């Protein structure tokens, strides 16, 4: 029997390698927000990403490596499906942080946590 937490960790690990591989060697930290819009009536979805890394104390906005990012459009919906099946959580974005000490953290955003306009 598969472990849902381990399955989720493996997907996050793949996303980590995409973000890490998109950073220049001198980068000291990075963050990438992955947005998952799956509310279309026709069942379609979109995946977006907003990527920053820190180099020489400056935050630099960049694009994920073109070759590495090709699997993002599959990994993000897969992670969402596994997490929703495991916890019932229906997030629409999450940010992956690569901290200066090399640790990786994630922060998930749920539609009901967003401020109302």
N, C-alpha and C. Protein backbone atom coordinates (compact mmCIF):
# COMPACT_ATOMS: atom_id res chain seq x y z
N UNK A 1 0.85 -1.20 0.00
CA UNK A 1 0.00 0.00 0.00
C UNK A 1 0.89 1.25 0.00
N UNK A 2 0.50 2.23 -0.78
CA UNK A 2 1.32 3.44 -0.89
C UNK A 2 1.02 4.40 0.27
N UNK A 3 2.01 5.18 0.59
CA UNK A 3 1.91 6.16 1.66
C UNK A 3 1.61 7.52 1.03
N UNK A 4 0.42 8.11 1.31
CA UNK A 4 0.07 9.38 0.66
C UNK A 4 1.03 10.52 1.00
N UNK A 5 1.54 10.54 2.21
CA UNK A 5 2.48 11.60 2.60
C UNK A 5 3.77 11.47 1.78
N UNK A 6 4.25 10.25 1.63
CA UNK A 6 5.48 10.01 0.86
C UNK A 6 5.26 10.36 -0.61
N UNK A 7 4.10 10.02 -1.16
CA UNK A 7 3.79 10.37 -2.56
C UNK A 7 3.81 11.88 -2.75
N UNK A 8 3.22 12.62 -1.80
CA UNK A 8 3.22 14.08 -1.88
C UNK A 8 4.64 14.63 -1.76
N UNK A 9 5.43 14.06 -0.85
CA UNK A 9 6.80 14.51 -0.65
C UNK A 9 7.63 14.31 -1.91
N UNK A 10 7.42 13.21 -2.61
CA UNK A 10 8.17 12.94 -3.84
C UNK A 10 7.84 13.96 -4.93
N UNK A 11 6.59 14.38 -5.03
CA UNK A 11 6.22 15.40 -6.01
C UNK A 11 6.83 16.74 -5.63
N UNK A 12 6.74 17.10 -4.35
CA UNK A 12 7.35 18.36 -3.90
C UNK A 12 8.86 18.32 -4.14
N UNK A 13 9.47 17.16 -3.96
CA UNK A 13 10.91 17.02 -4.21
C UNK A 13 11.23 17.28 -5.68
N UNK A 14 10.39 16.80 -6.58
CA UNK A 14 10.61 17.05 -8.01
C UNK A 14 10.48 18.55 -8.31
N UNK A 15 9.50 19.20 -7.70
CA UNK A 15 9.34 20.65 -7.90
C UNK A 15 10.53 21.40 -7.31
N UNK A 16 11.04 20.93 -6.18
CA UNK A 16 12.24 21.53 -5.58
C UNK A 16 13.41 21.47 -6.57
N UNK A 17 13.61 20.34 -7.22
CA UNK A 17 14.73 20.20 -8.17
C UNK A 17 14.55 21.13 -9.38
N UNK A 18 13.32 21.37 -9.79
CA UNK A 18 13.06 22.31 -10.89
C UNK A 18 13.43 23.73 -10.45
N UNK A 19 13.01 24.11 -9.24
CA UNK A 19 13.32 25.46 -8.73
C UNK A 19 14.82 25.59 -8.51
N UNK A 20 15.42 24.62 -7.85
CA UNK A 20 16.87 24.66 -7.57
C UNK A 20 17.66 24.70 -8.87
N UNK A 21 17.26 23.90 -9.84
CA UNK A 21 17.95 23.85 -11.12
C UNK A 21 17.79 25.12 -11.95
N UNK A 22 16.80 25.94 -11.61
CA UNK A 22 16.57 27.20 -12.32
C UNK A 22 17.36 28.36 -11.71
N UNK A 23 17.99 28.12 -10.57
CA UNK A 23 18.76 29.16 -9.88
C UNK A 23 20.20 29.18 -10.37
N UNK A 24 20.80 30.37 -10.45
CA UNK A 24 22.24 30.41 -10.72
C UNK A 24 23.00 29.86 -9.51
N UNK A 25 24.22 29.44 -9.73
CA UNK A 25 24.98 28.80 -8.64
C UNK A 25 25.21 29.73 -7.46
N UNK A 26 25.22 31.04 -7.69
CA UNK A 26 25.47 31.99 -6.60
C UNK A 26 24.21 32.33 -5.79
N UNK A 27 23.07 31.81 -6.18
CA UNK A 27 21.83 32.12 -5.46
C UNK A 27 21.89 31.55 -4.04
N UNK A 28 21.41 32.33 -3.08
CA UNK A 28 21.44 31.90 -1.69
C UNK A 28 20.10 31.38 -1.20
N UNK A 29 19.01 31.75 -1.87
CA UNK A 29 17.68 31.26 -1.54
C UNK A 29 16.78 31.47 -2.75
N UNK A 30 15.61 30.85 -2.69
CA UNK A 30 14.68 30.98 -3.80
C UNK A 30 13.27 30.73 -3.31
N UNK A 31 12.30 31.22 -4.08
CA UNK A 31 10.91 30.89 -3.81
C UNK A 31 10.17 30.85 -5.13
N UNK A 32 9.23 29.92 -5.20
CA UNK A 32 8.42 29.82 -6.41
C UNK A 32 6.99 29.55 -5.98
N UNK A 33 6.11 30.44 -6.42
CA UNK A 33 4.68 30.25 -6.16
C UNK A 33 4.08 29.54 -7.37
N UNK A 34 3.46 28.40 -7.10
CA UNK A 34 2.77 27.63 -8.14
C UNK A 34 1.28 27.87 -7.97
N UNK A 35 0.64 28.38 -9.01
CA UNK A 35 -0.79 28.66 -8.96
C UNK A 35 -1.52 27.59 -9.78
N UNK A 36 -2.61 27.08 -9.20
CA UNK A 36 -3.38 26.04 -9.85
C UNK A 36 -4.83 26.49 -9.94
N UNK A 37 -5.25 26.91 -11.12
CA UNK A 37 -6.62 27.36 -11.34
C UNK A 37 -7.38 26.23 -12.01
N UNK A 38 -8.25 25.59 -11.23
CA UNK A 38 -8.99 24.43 -11.74
C UNK A 38 -10.49 24.63 -11.66
N UNK A 39 -10.91 25.89 -11.71
CA UNK A 39 -12.33 26.20 -11.57
C UNK A 39 -13.06 26.44 -12.88
N UNK A 40 -12.48 26.04 -13.98
CA UNK A 40 -13.12 26.29 -15.27
C UNK A 40 -14.30 25.33 -15.48
N UNK A 41 -15.38 25.84 -16.05
CA UNK A 41 -16.58 25.03 -16.23
C UNK A 41 -16.36 23.85 -17.16
N UNK A 42 -15.45 23.99 -18.11
CA UNK A 42 -15.23 22.90 -19.07
C UNK A 42 -14.27 21.84 -18.52
N UNK A 43 -13.84 21.99 -17.27
CA UNK A 43 -12.97 20.99 -16.66
C UNK A 43 -11.49 21.24 -16.90
N UNK A 44 -11.16 22.26 -17.66
CA UNK A 44 -9.75 22.54 -17.92
C UNK A 44 -9.12 23.24 -16.73
N UNK A 45 -7.81 23.41 -16.77
CA UNK A 45 -7.10 24.05 -15.68
C UNK A 45 -5.89 24.78 -16.23
N UNK A 46 -5.32 25.63 -15.41
CA UNK A 46 -4.07 26.29 -15.78
C UNK A 46 -3.12 26.23 -14.58
N UNK A 47 -1.84 26.20 -14.88
CA UNK A 47 -0.81 26.19 -13.86
C UNK A 47 0.13 27.35 -14.16
N UNK A 48 0.35 28.17 -13.17
CA UNK A 48 1.27 29.28 -13.34
C UNK A 48 2.36 29.22 -12.29
N UNK A 49 3.43 29.97 -12.53
CA UNK A 49 4.47 30.03 -11.52
C UNK A 49 5.10 31.41 -11.49
N UNK A 50 5.44 31.84 -10.28
CA UNK A 50 6.12 33.11 -10.06
C UNK A 50 7.39 32.76 -9.28
N UNK A 51 8.54 33.00 -9.91
CA UNK A 51 9.81 32.52 -9.39
C UNK A 51 10.74 33.68 -9.06
N UNK A 52 11.33 33.62 -7.89
CA UNK A 52 12.35 34.59 -7.45
C UNK A 52 13.51 33.83 -6.84
N UNK A 53 14.69 34.36 -6.99
CA UNK A 53 15.84 33.86 -6.24
C UNK A 53 16.61 35.05 -5.68
N UNK A 54 17.39 34.80 -4.66
CA UNK A 54 18.19 35.85 -4.04
C UNK A 54 19.65 35.62 -4.37
N UNK A 55 20.29 36.67 -4.88
CA UNK A 55 21.71 36.62 -5.23
C UNK A 55 22.32 37.95 -4.80
N UNK A 56 23.42 37.87 -4.06
CA UNK A 56 24.09 39.09 -3.55
C UNK A 56 23.12 39.99 -2.79
N UNK A 57 22.20 39.38 -2.05
CA UNK A 57 21.25 40.15 -1.26
C UNK A 57 20.10 40.75 -2.03
N UNK A 58 20.05 40.54 -3.33
CA UNK A 58 18.99 41.10 -4.16
C UNK A 58 18.01 40.01 -4.59
N UNK A 59 16.71 40.34 -4.54
CA UNK A 59 15.69 39.42 -5.03
C UNK A 59 15.55 39.63 -6.53
N UNK A 60 15.67 38.54 -7.28
CA UNK A 60 15.63 38.60 -8.74
C UNK A 60 14.43 37.80 -9.24
N UNK A 61 13.59 38.45 -10.03
CA UNK A 61 12.46 37.77 -10.65
C UNK A 61 12.97 37.09 -11.92
N UNK A 62 12.61 35.84 -12.10
CA UNK A 62 13.10 35.10 -13.26
C UNK A 62 12.05 34.09 -13.70
N UNK A 63 12.33 33.44 -14.80
CA UNK A 63 11.48 32.35 -15.26
C UNK A 63 12.16 31.04 -14.89
N UNK A 64 11.36 30.04 -14.60
CA UNK A 64 11.94 28.72 -14.37
C UNK A 64 12.61 28.25 -15.66
N UNK A 65 13.65 27.45 -15.51
CA UNK A 65 14.37 26.91 -16.65
C UNK A 65 13.38 26.26 -17.62
N UNK A 66 13.48 26.63 -18.89
CA UNK A 66 12.52 26.18 -19.91
C UNK A 66 12.44 24.66 -20.01
N UNK A 67 13.56 24.00 -19.97
CA UNK A 67 13.56 22.53 -20.08
C UNK A 67 13.03 21.88 -18.82
N UNK A 68 13.47 22.37 -17.66
CA UNK A 68 13.06 21.77 -16.39
C UNK A 68 11.58 21.95 -16.12
N UNK A 69 11.02 23.11 -16.51
CA UNK A 69 9.65 23.43 -16.10
C UNK A 69 8.58 22.67 -16.88
N UNK A 70 8.95 21.91 -17.89
CA UNK A 70 7.92 21.24 -18.70
C UNK A 70 7.04 20.31 -17.88
N UNK A 71 7.56 19.71 -16.81
CA UNK A 71 6.75 18.78 -16.02
C UNK A 71 5.90 19.48 -14.96
N UNK A 72 6.08 20.79 -14.75
CA UNK A 72 5.31 21.51 -13.73
C UNK A 72 3.81 21.38 -13.98
N UNK A 73 3.40 21.47 -15.25
CA UNK A 73 1.98 21.41 -15.59
C UNK A 73 1.34 20.07 -15.24
N UNK A 74 2.16 19.03 -15.07
CA UNK A 74 1.66 17.72 -14.65
C UNK A 74 1.81 17.53 -13.14
N UNK A 75 2.92 18.00 -12.58
CA UNK A 75 3.21 17.78 -11.16
C UNK A 75 2.25 18.53 -10.24
N UNK A 76 1.93 19.78 -10.56
CA UNK A 76 1.07 20.59 -9.68
C UNK A 76 -0.34 19.98 -9.58
N UNK A 77 -1.01 19.64 -10.70
CA UNK A 77 -2.33 19.00 -10.57
C UNK A 77 -2.25 17.64 -9.86
N UNK A 78 -1.16 16.90 -10.09
CA UNK A 78 -0.99 15.60 -9.43
C UNK A 78 -0.88 15.78 -7.92
N UNK A 79 -0.09 16.77 -7.50
CA UNK A 79 0.05 17.04 -6.07
C UNK A 79 -1.30 17.46 -5.48
N UNK A 80 -2.02 18.32 -6.20
CA UNK A 80 -3.34 18.77 -5.73
C UNK A 80 -4.28 17.58 -5.55
N UNK A 81 -4.32 16.69 -6.53
CA UNK A 81 -5.22 15.54 -6.47
C UNK A 81 -4.86 14.62 -5.30
N UNK A 82 -3.57 14.38 -5.09
CA UNK A 82 -3.15 13.50 -4.00
C UNK A 82 -3.47 14.12 -2.64
N UNK A 83 -3.25 15.43 -2.50
CA UNK A 83 -3.53 16.09 -1.23
C UNK A 83 -5.03 16.16 -0.97
N UNK A 84 -5.81 16.44 -2.01
CA UNK A 84 -7.26 16.52 -1.83
C UNK A 84 -7.82 15.16 -1.44
N UNK A 85 -7.31 14.09 -2.05
CA UNK A 85 -7.77 12.74 -1.72
C UNK A 85 -7.37 12.36 -0.29
N UNK A 86 -6.23 12.85 0.16
CA UNK A 86 -5.70 12.49 1.48
C UNK A 86 -6.33 13.32 2.60
N UNK A 87 -6.45 14.65 2.39
CA UNK A 87 -6.90 15.53 3.47
C UNK A 87 -8.21 16.25 3.16
N UNK A 88 -8.63 16.24 1.91
CA UNK A 88 -9.82 17.00 1.52
C UNK A 88 -9.52 18.46 1.23
N UNK A 89 -8.26 18.87 1.42
CA UNK A 89 -7.88 20.27 1.19
C UNK A 89 -7.90 20.61 -0.29
N UNK A 90 -8.45 21.76 -0.63
CA UNK A 90 -8.60 22.17 -2.02
C UNK A 90 -7.86 23.49 -2.25
N UNK A 91 -6.53 23.46 -2.19
CA UNK A 91 -5.73 24.67 -2.36
C UNK A 91 -5.70 25.11 -3.82
N UNK A 92 -5.41 26.40 -4.01
CA UNK A 92 -5.30 26.91 -5.37
C UNK A 92 -3.92 27.50 -5.67
N UNK A 93 -3.03 27.49 -4.67
CA UNK A 93 -1.66 27.94 -4.88
C UNK A 93 -0.79 27.46 -3.72
N UNK A 94 0.48 27.31 -3.99
CA UNK A 94 1.41 27.08 -2.89
C UNK A 94 2.77 27.64 -3.29
N UNK A 95 3.52 28.01 -2.26
CA UNK A 95 4.85 28.56 -2.48
C UNK A 95 5.86 27.59 -1.90
N UNK A 96 6.87 27.29 -2.71
CA UNK A 96 7.98 26.44 -2.29
C UNK A 96 9.15 27.38 -2.01
N UNK A 97 9.67 27.30 -0.79
CA UNK A 97 10.80 28.14 -0.38
C UNK A 97 12.05 27.27 -0.25
N UNK A 98 13.14 27.71 -0.84
CA UNK A 98 14.45 27.11 -0.57
C UNK A 98 15.17 28.15 0.29
N UNK A 99 15.32 27.83 1.55
CA UNK A 99 15.87 28.77 2.52
C UNK A 99 17.39 28.82 2.44
N UNK A 100 17.97 29.87 3.01
CA UNK A 100 19.42 30.05 2.95
C UNK A 100 20.19 28.88 3.56
N UNK A 101 19.59 28.21 4.55
CA UNK A 101 20.27 27.07 5.19
C UNK A 101 20.07 25.77 4.42
N UNK A 102 19.39 25.86 3.25
CA UNK A 102 19.20 24.67 2.42
C UNK A 102 17.91 23.92 2.69
N UNK A 103 17.20 24.29 3.75
CA UNK A 103 15.94 23.61 4.04
C UNK A 103 14.87 24.05 3.04
N UNK A 104 13.85 23.23 2.91
CA UNK A 104 12.75 23.51 1.99
C UNK A 104 11.46 23.58 2.81
N UNK A 105 10.69 24.62 2.59
CA UNK A 105 9.39 24.73 3.24
C UNK A 105 8.34 25.05 2.19
N UNK A 106 7.10 24.75 2.51
CA UNK A 106 5.99 25.05 1.60
C UNK A 106 4.89 25.76 2.37
N UNK A 107 4.15 26.58 1.66
CA UNK A 107 2.99 27.26 2.25
C UNK A 107 1.86 27.15 1.24
N UNK A 108 0.77 26.52 1.66
CA UNK A 108 -0.38 26.31 0.78
C UNK A 108 -1.43 27.38 1.02
N UNK A 109 -2.08 27.81 -0.06
CA UNK A 109 -3.13 28.83 0.02
C UNK A 109 -4.45 28.21 -0.40
N UNK A 110 -5.44 28.41 0.44
CA UNK A 110 -6.77 27.87 0.19
C UNK A 110 -7.73 29.02 -0.12
N UNK A 111 -8.68 28.82 -1.04
CA UNK A 111 -9.59 29.91 -1.43
C UNK A 111 -10.29 30.57 -0.24
N UNK A 112 -10.65 29.79 0.77
CA UNK A 112 -11.38 30.36 1.90
C UNK A 112 -10.48 31.16 2.85
N UNK A 113 -9.16 31.16 2.61
CA UNK A 113 -8.23 31.94 3.44
C UNK A 113 -7.93 33.30 2.82
N UNK A 114 -8.37 33.51 1.61
CA UNK A 114 -8.08 34.77 0.94
C UNK A 114 -9.01 35.86 1.45
N UNK A 115 -8.49 37.08 1.55
CA UNK A 115 -9.36 38.18 2.00
C UNK A 115 -10.48 38.44 1.00
N UNK A 116 -11.62 38.72 1.52
CA UNK A 116 -12.79 39.02 0.67
C UNK A 116 -12.70 40.45 0.16
N UNK A 117 -13.14 40.65 -1.05
CA UNK A 117 -13.11 42.02 -1.60
C UNK A 117 -14.46 42.66 -1.53
